[in-house]
Amino acid sequence: MICGNLVKSKSMISKQTLLIAAVFIVLTSCKQALMKKYGVSKPQIESLESVRKSINGYSRGYDSCLCVFRDSSALVDWFRNTGLPGRSLFFNSSGYRIITQDSAFCSGVETEFAGNLRPGLALRIDSLTHFEKLRKSIYPIGEKVKLDPALYDYTCVIFWAKFMGRINEASFAIAASAMSSNAGRTGKVNFIFVCMDIMNFWGVSGDMIRTNTGIR
C-alpha cells in the first residue's frame, strides 16, 4: 500500500513538473510575441532632453513630474525585487506600498484600481516596501516633482522607457485612470514618472554598471 502511494506521488510530481514546464514555455512564447508585436528594440543611451520629448508624446506636462534613475546600479537594484508590479506602484501617505492585487502584473487590474482611488480608503499595504528606497534610487529632473508621500493621500509611480515603445501605453493608461479618480481630481494624488532608459550622464554603455555619478 505504501509502495502504491509512492508510485502515485511520483506520478503526480512528474505531471506537475510537466505542467509547470508547459506553462513556462507558453509564457516565454507570449513574451516573445509581445516584443515582436510592439516593436521593442534594444535599449540605447538617452539624454534628458530625449526622454522629456518622448514622455510629452503621451501627454503634455508629464515631463514636469519626470525622474530618472541615478545610475545603472540603482536601476538594477530596484528591479531585483521581482515581487513588485512592473508598470506602476502606489504608496500611501506614510510611504508604504499599497497592494493593488496585481500579482499577475496585469495592467488592467492596476488601471481599475487607480480609477477607484478616493480619500479615506482602507487598503492593504506592503510594509517591506517603502517609498524611501525608491526616492534614494531616482533623480528628479521635472520642476514639479514631489518626493514626500506625506503631502498626498497617494503617490502614483509610473515606470516607462523609450525603448519599450507601445508597451508604455498600458503604463500611461494607469496614470490617466488615477488622474480621473476622485482622489486625482481633488489633488490628493502625487504623480511621478520614472524613466528606465539608460542615461548618457551615467557615462557608461548599456552593458555596464556604474555605482556613482556626479549627480548623486
Foldseek 3Di string as FASTA:
>chain_A
DVVVVVVVVVVVVVVVVVVVVVVVVVVVVVVVVVCVVQVQDDFWADALVVVLVVVCVLPPPLLLQEKEFQWDVLLVVVCVPVQDQDFKWKAFQVFFTFDQVPSVSDLVSLLVSLLADDPPDDTDTDPVDGLVSVVVGIDRDHNNHDSRSNVARMEMEGEDEPSSGPVNVSSVSSVVSNCNHNRNVVVRYHYHYYYHGHYVQNVDTPVDTRDDGPVD
